[in-house]
Amino acid sequence: MAIMALGFVVAKFGLFLSILSLSNQTNNTLHPSNGLADIFGISLVMIGVIISVGAQLNHHLYVKTVPPEDVPKLAIHWLASLLSFSIAIVGLLLAGYLFIA
């Protein structure tokens, strides 16, 4: 999750630099966003999505290898999967927003 937040910050840092440079100029032209920062930021968000889904799948495969008597009985066994995939969906939406904006 932190890598997705870092990706958002990197992608939007170009906007901050454009606004900062605007305050130092006499003409009011806004510089275009740095495409490299956008690509790097979106890449970090997508890496976070892949890590989230991969960790959940790895955990699921690991639990299948543990003997049934050693697996803890959880009240809501699907909650971790729901949380992990929800974070991945939010990351995909964030990457889409960064791509469009």
N, C-alpha and C. Protein backbone atom coordinates (compact mmCIF):
# COMPACT_ATOMS: atom_id res chain seq x y z
N MET A 1 0.83 -1.19 0.00
CA MET A 1 0.00 0.00 0.00
C MET A 1 0.87 1.26 0.00
N ALA A 2 1.96 1.21 0.72
CA ALA A 2 2.84 2.39 0.79
C ALA A 2 3.49 2.67 -0.56
N ILE A 3 3.76 1.63 -1.32
CA ILE A 3 4.38 1.86 -2.63
C ILE A 3 3.40 2.54 -3.58
N MET A 4 2.10 2.25 -3.41
CA MET A 4 1.10 2.93 -4.23
C MET A 4 1.01 4.41 -3.87
N ALA A 5 1.09 4.71 -2.58
CA ALA A 5 1.08 6.11 -2.15
C ALA A 5 2.31 6.84 -2.66
N LEU A 6 3.45 6.18 -2.62
CA LEU A 6 4.68 6.78 -3.15
C LEU A 6 4.54 7.04 -4.65
N GLY A 7 3.92 6.12 -5.35
CA GLY A 7 3.70 6.31 -6.79
C GLY A 7 2.84 7.52 -7.07
N PHE A 8 1.79 7.72 -6.25
CA PHE A 8 0.93 8.89 -6.41
C PHE A 8 1.72 10.17 -6.18
N VAL A 9 2.53 10.19 -5.14
CA VAL A 9 3.33 11.38 -4.82
C VAL A 9 4.31 11.68 -5.95
N VAL A 10 4.96 10.66 -6.47
CA VAL A 10 5.92 10.88 -7.55
C VAL A 10 5.22 11.42 -8.79
N ALA A 11 4.05 10.84 -9.12
CA ALA A 11 3.34 11.27 -10.32
C ALA A 11 2.84 12.71 -10.19
N LYS A 12 2.44 13.12 -9.01
CA LYS A 12 1.90 14.46 -8.82
C LYS A 12 2.96 15.48 -8.46
N PHE A 13 4.20 15.06 -8.25
CA PHE A 13 5.27 16.00 -7.93
C PHE A 13 5.55 16.94 -9.09
N GLY A 14 5.36 16.47 -10.32
CA GLY A 14 5.54 17.33 -11.50
C GLY A 14 4.57 18.50 -11.49
N LEU A 15 3.34 18.27 -11.04
CA LEU A 15 2.36 19.35 -10.92
C LEU A 15 2.83 20.39 -9.91
N PHE A 16 3.36 19.92 -8.78
CA PHE A 16 3.89 20.83 -7.76
C PHE A 16 5.02 21.68 -8.33
N LEU A 17 5.91 21.06 -9.08
CA LEU A 17 7.02 21.82 -9.67
C LEU A 17 6.52 22.83 -10.69
N SER A 18 5.48 22.48 -11.44
CA SER A 18 4.92 23.43 -12.41
C SER A 18 4.33 24.64 -11.71
N ILE A 19 3.61 24.42 -10.64
CA ILE A 19 3.02 25.53 -9.89
C ILE A 19 4.11 26.37 -9.26
N LEU A 20 5.15 25.73 -8.76
CA LEU A 20 6.26 26.46 -8.15
C LEU A 20 6.98 27.31 -9.19
N SER A 21 7.19 26.78 -10.38
CA SER A 21 7.87 27.56 -11.42
C SER A 21 6.98 28.69 -11.93
N LEU A 22 5.67 28.50 -11.85
CA LEU A 22 4.73 29.54 -12.28
C LEU A 22 4.84 30.78 -11.40
N SER A 23 5.10 30.57 -10.12
CA SER A 23 5.22 31.71 -9.21
C SER A 23 6.50 32.51 -9.44
N ASN A 24 7.48 31.92 -10.09
CA ASN A 24 8.75 32.61 -10.34
C ASN A 24 8.83 33.27 -11.71
N GLN A 25 7.80 33.11 -12.54
CA GLN A 25 7.83 33.65 -13.89
C GLN A 25 6.92 34.88 -14.00
N THR A 26 7.24 35.70 -14.98
CA THR A 26 6.39 36.87 -15.22
C THR A 26 5.20 36.51 -16.09
N ASN A 27 5.38 35.61 -17.07
CA ASN A 27 4.24 35.19 -17.88
C ASN A 27 3.55 34.01 -17.18
N ASN A 28 2.28 33.88 -17.39
CA ASN A 28 1.49 32.88 -16.67
C ASN A 28 1.25 31.63 -17.51
N THR A 29 2.31 31.08 -18.07
CA THR A 29 2.17 29.84 -18.82
C THR A 29 2.56 28.67 -17.92
N LEU A 30 1.72 27.68 -17.90
CA LEU A 30 1.96 26.50 -17.08
C LEU A 30 2.79 25.50 -17.87
N HIS A 31 3.87 25.04 -17.29
CA HIS A 31 4.70 24.05 -17.95
C HIS A 31 3.98 22.72 -17.98
N PRO A 32 4.15 21.95 -19.03
CA PRO A 32 3.52 20.63 -19.06
C PRO A 32 4.15 19.71 -18.01
N SER A 33 3.36 18.78 -17.57
CA SER A 33 3.84 17.85 -16.55
C SER A 33 4.99 17.00 -17.10
N ASN A 34 5.88 16.62 -16.23
CA ASN A 34 7.00 15.78 -16.60
C ASN A 34 6.48 14.37 -16.87
N GLY A 35 6.53 13.94 -18.11
CA GLY A 35 6.01 12.62 -18.49
C GLY A 35 6.73 11.48 -17.81
N LEU A 36 8.02 11.64 -17.56
CA LEU A 36 8.79 10.58 -16.92
C LEU A 36 8.32 10.36 -15.48
N ALA A 37 8.03 11.43 -14.77
CA ALA A 37 7.53 11.30 -13.40
C ALA A 37 6.17 10.62 -13.39
N ASP A 38 5.33 10.94 -14.36
CA ASP A 38 4.01 10.29 -14.46
C ASP A 38 4.16 8.79 -14.71
N ILE A 39 5.01 8.44 -15.65
CA ILE A 39 5.21 7.02 -15.97
C ILE A 39 5.78 6.28 -14.77
N PHE A 40 6.76 6.88 -14.11
CA PHE A 40 7.37 6.24 -12.94
C PHE A 40 6.35 6.10 -11.81
N GLY A 41 5.53 7.12 -11.59
CA GLY A 41 4.52 7.06 -10.54
C GLY A 41 3.48 5.99 -10.81
N ILE A 42 2.99 5.94 -12.05
CA ILE A 42 2.00 4.91 -12.41
C ILE A 42 2.62 3.52 -12.29
N SER A 43 3.89 3.40 -12.66
CA SER A 43 4.57 2.11 -12.52
C SER A 43 4.66 1.68 -11.06
N LEU A 44 4.95 2.61 -10.17
CA LEU A 44 5.00 2.27 -8.75
C LEU A 44 3.63 1.83 -8.22
N VAL A 45 2.58 2.49 -8.67
CA VAL A 45 1.24 2.10 -8.26
C VAL A 45 0.93 0.69 -8.76
N MET A 46 1.28 0.40 -10.01
CA MET A 46 1.00 -0.93 -10.56
C MET A 46 1.84 -2.00 -9.87
N ILE A 47 3.06 -1.67 -9.49
CA ILE A 47 3.88 -2.62 -8.73
C ILE A 47 3.22 -2.92 -7.39
N GLY A 48 2.65 -1.90 -6.76
CA GLY A 48 1.92 -2.11 -5.50
C GLY A 48 0.72 -3.02 -5.68
N VAL A 49 0.00 -2.87 -6.79
CA VAL A 49 -1.14 -3.74 -7.09
C VAL A 49 -0.68 -5.18 -7.27
N ILE A 50 0.38 -5.36 -8.03
CA ILE A 50 0.91 -6.71 -8.28
C ILE A 50 1.39 -7.36 -6.98
N ILE A 51 2.05 -6.58 -6.13
CA ILE A 51 2.51 -7.11 -4.85
C ILE A 51 1.33 -7.51 -3.97
N SER A 52 0.30 -6.70 -3.94
CA SER A 52 -0.88 -7.00 -3.11
C SER A 52 -1.55 -8.29 -3.56
N VAL A 53 -1.80 -8.41 -4.85
CA VAL A 53 -2.46 -9.62 -5.37
C VAL A 53 -1.54 -10.83 -5.24
N GLY A 54 -0.27 -10.65 -5.53
CA GLY A 54 0.68 -11.76 -5.41
C GLY A 54 0.83 -12.26 -3.99
N ALA A 55 0.85 -11.35 -3.03
CA ALA A 55 0.95 -11.76 -1.63
C ALA A 55 -0.28 -12.54 -1.19
N GLN A 56 -1.45 -12.09 -1.65
CA GLN A 56 -2.68 -12.81 -1.29
C GLN A 56 -2.69 -14.21 -1.91
N LEU A 57 -2.31 -14.31 -3.17
CA LEU A 57 -2.27 -15.63 -3.80
C LEU A 57 -1.23 -16.54 -3.16
N ASN A 58 -0.08 -15.97 -2.81
CA ASN A 58 0.97 -16.75 -2.14
C ASN A 58 0.47 -17.24 -0.78
N HIS A 59 -0.22 -16.40 -0.05
CA HIS A 59 -0.76 -16.80 1.25
C HIS A 59 -1.79 -17.92 1.08
N HIS A 60 -2.64 -17.80 0.08
CA HIS A 60 -3.65 -18.82 -0.18
C HIS A 60 -2.99 -20.17 -0.49
N LEU A 61 -1.96 -20.15 -1.33
CA LEU A 61 -1.25 -21.39 -1.66
C LEU A 61 -0.53 -21.96 -0.44
N TYR A 62 0.02 -21.09 0.40
CA TYR A 62 0.71 -21.55 1.60
C TYR A 62 -0.26 -22.22 2.57
N VAL A 63 -1.42 -21.62 2.77
CA VAL A 63 -2.39 -22.17 3.71
C VAL A 63 -2.87 -23.54 3.24
N LYS A 64 -2.91 -23.77 1.93
CA LYS A 64 -3.32 -25.07 1.39
C LYS A 64 -2.30 -26.17 1.73
N THR A 65 -1.03 -25.78 1.96
CA THR A 65 0.00 -26.77 2.26
C THR A 65 0.07 -27.12 3.74
N VAL A 66 -0.54 -26.30 4.58
CA VAL A 66 -0.51 -26.53 6.02
C VAL A 66 -1.54 -27.61 6.37
N PRO A 67 -1.20 -28.53 7.28
CA PRO A 67 -2.19 -29.52 7.68
C PRO A 67 -3.44 -28.85 8.27
N PRO A 68 -4.62 -29.42 8.02
CA PRO A 68 -5.86 -28.77 8.45
C PRO A 68 -5.93 -28.48 9.95
N GLU A 69 -5.32 -29.31 10.77
CA GLU A 69 -5.37 -29.08 12.21
C GLU A 69 -4.49 -27.91 12.65
N ASP A 70 -3.54 -27.50 11.80
CA ASP A 70 -2.68 -26.37 12.14
C ASP A 70 -3.19 -25.03 11.62
N VAL A 71 -4.21 -25.06 10.79
CA VAL A 71 -4.77 -23.82 10.26
C VAL A 71 -5.69 -23.22 11.32
N PRO A 72 -5.45 -21.96 11.72
CA PRO A 72 -6.32 -21.36 12.74
C PRO A 72 -7.74 -21.18 12.21
N LYS A 73 -8.69 -21.38 13.07
CA LYS A 73 -10.09 -21.20 12.71
C LYS A 73 -10.44 -19.72 12.88
N LEU A 74 -10.59 -19.03 11.78
CA LEU A 74 -10.90 -17.61 11.80
C LEU A 74 -12.41 -17.42 11.72
N ALA A 75 -12.90 -16.39 12.38
CA ALA A 75 -14.33 -16.12 12.34
C ALA A 75 -14.79 -15.75 10.93
N ILE A 76 -14.02 -14.91 10.27
CA ILE A 76 -14.34 -14.50 8.91
C ILE A 76 -13.12 -14.81 8.05
N HIS A 77 -13.06 -16.00 7.49
CA HIS A 77 -11.86 -16.46 6.79
C HIS A 77 -11.63 -15.73 5.47
N TRP A 78 -12.64 -15.15 4.87
CA TRP A 78 -12.51 -14.49 3.58
C TRP A 78 -12.18 -13.00 3.70
N LEU A 79 -12.11 -12.48 4.93
CA LEU A 79 -11.90 -11.04 5.11
C LEU A 79 -10.54 -10.57 4.60
N ALA A 80 -9.50 -11.36 4.81
CA ALA A 80 -8.17 -10.98 4.34
C ALA A 80 -8.13 -10.91 2.81
N SER A 81 -8.79 -11.86 2.16
CA SER A 81 -8.84 -11.84 0.70
C SER A 81 -9.60 -10.63 0.20
N LEU A 82 -10.71 -10.32 0.84
CA LEU A 82 -11.50 -9.16 0.44
C LEU A 82 -10.69 -7.87 0.59
N LEU A 83 -9.99 -7.74 1.70
CA LEU A 83 -9.17 -6.55 1.92
C LEU A 83 -8.05 -6.44 0.89
N SER A 84 -7.38 -7.53 0.62
CA SER A 84 -6.27 -7.51 -0.32
C SER A 84 -6.74 -7.15 -1.73
N PHE A 85 -7.82 -7.77 -2.17
CA PHE A 85 -8.31 -7.47 -3.51
C PHE A 85 -8.95 -6.08 -3.58
N SER A 86 -9.51 -5.59 -2.48
CA SER A 86 -10.04 -4.22 -2.46
C SER A 86 -8.92 -3.21 -2.62
N ILE A 87 -7.80 -3.45 -1.95
CA ILE A 87 -6.64 -2.57 -2.10
C ILE A 87 -6.12 -2.60 -3.53
N ALA A 88 -6.13 -3.79 -4.14
CA ALA A 88 -5.69 -3.89 -5.53
C ALA A 88 -6.62 -3.13 -6.47
N ILE A 89 -7.92 -3.20 -6.24
CA ILE A 89 -8.87 -2.47 -7.08
C ILE A 89 -8.68 -0.96 -6.92
N VAL A 90 -8.49 -0.51 -5.68
CA VAL A 90 -8.24 0.92 -5.45
C VAL A 90 -6.94 1.34 -6.15
N GLY A 91 -5.94 0.49 -6.12
CA GLY A 91 -4.69 0.80 -6.82
C GLY A 91 -4.88 0.90 -8.33
N LEU A 92 -5.70 0.01 -8.90
CA LEU A 92 -5.98 0.10 -10.33
C LEU A 92 -6.74 1.38 -10.67
N LEU A 93 -7.69 1.73 -9.82
CA LEU A 93 -8.42 2.99 -10.04
C LEU A 93 -7.48 4.19 -9.93
N LEU A 94 -6.56 4.16 -8.97
CA LEU A 94 -5.59 5.24 -8.82
C LEU A 94 -4.68 5.34 -10.04
N ALA A 95 -4.23 4.19 -10.55
CA ALA A 95 -3.39 4.20 -11.74
C ALA A 95 -4.17 4.76 -12.94
N GLY A 96 -5.43 4.41 -13.04
CA GLY A 96 -6.26 4.96 -14.12
C GLY A 96 -6.42 6.46 -14.00
N TYR A 97 -6.63 6.93 -12.77
CA TYR A 97 -6.75 8.38 -12.54
C TYR A 97 -5.45 9.09 -12.92
N LEU A 98 -4.32 8.53 -12.51
CA LEU A 98 -3.03 9.17 -12.82
C LEU A 98 -2.77 9.16 -14.32
N PHE A 99 -3.22 8.13 -15.00
CA PHE A 99 -3.02 8.05 -16.44
C PHE A 99 -3.85 9.09 -17.17
N ILE A 100 -5.08 9.31 -16.70
CA ILE A 100 -5.98 10.26 -17.35
C ILE A 100 -5.62 11.70 -16.98
N ALA A 101 -5.32 11.94 -15.71
CA ALA A 101 -5.10 13.32 -15.23
C ALA A 101 -3.75 13.85 -15.57
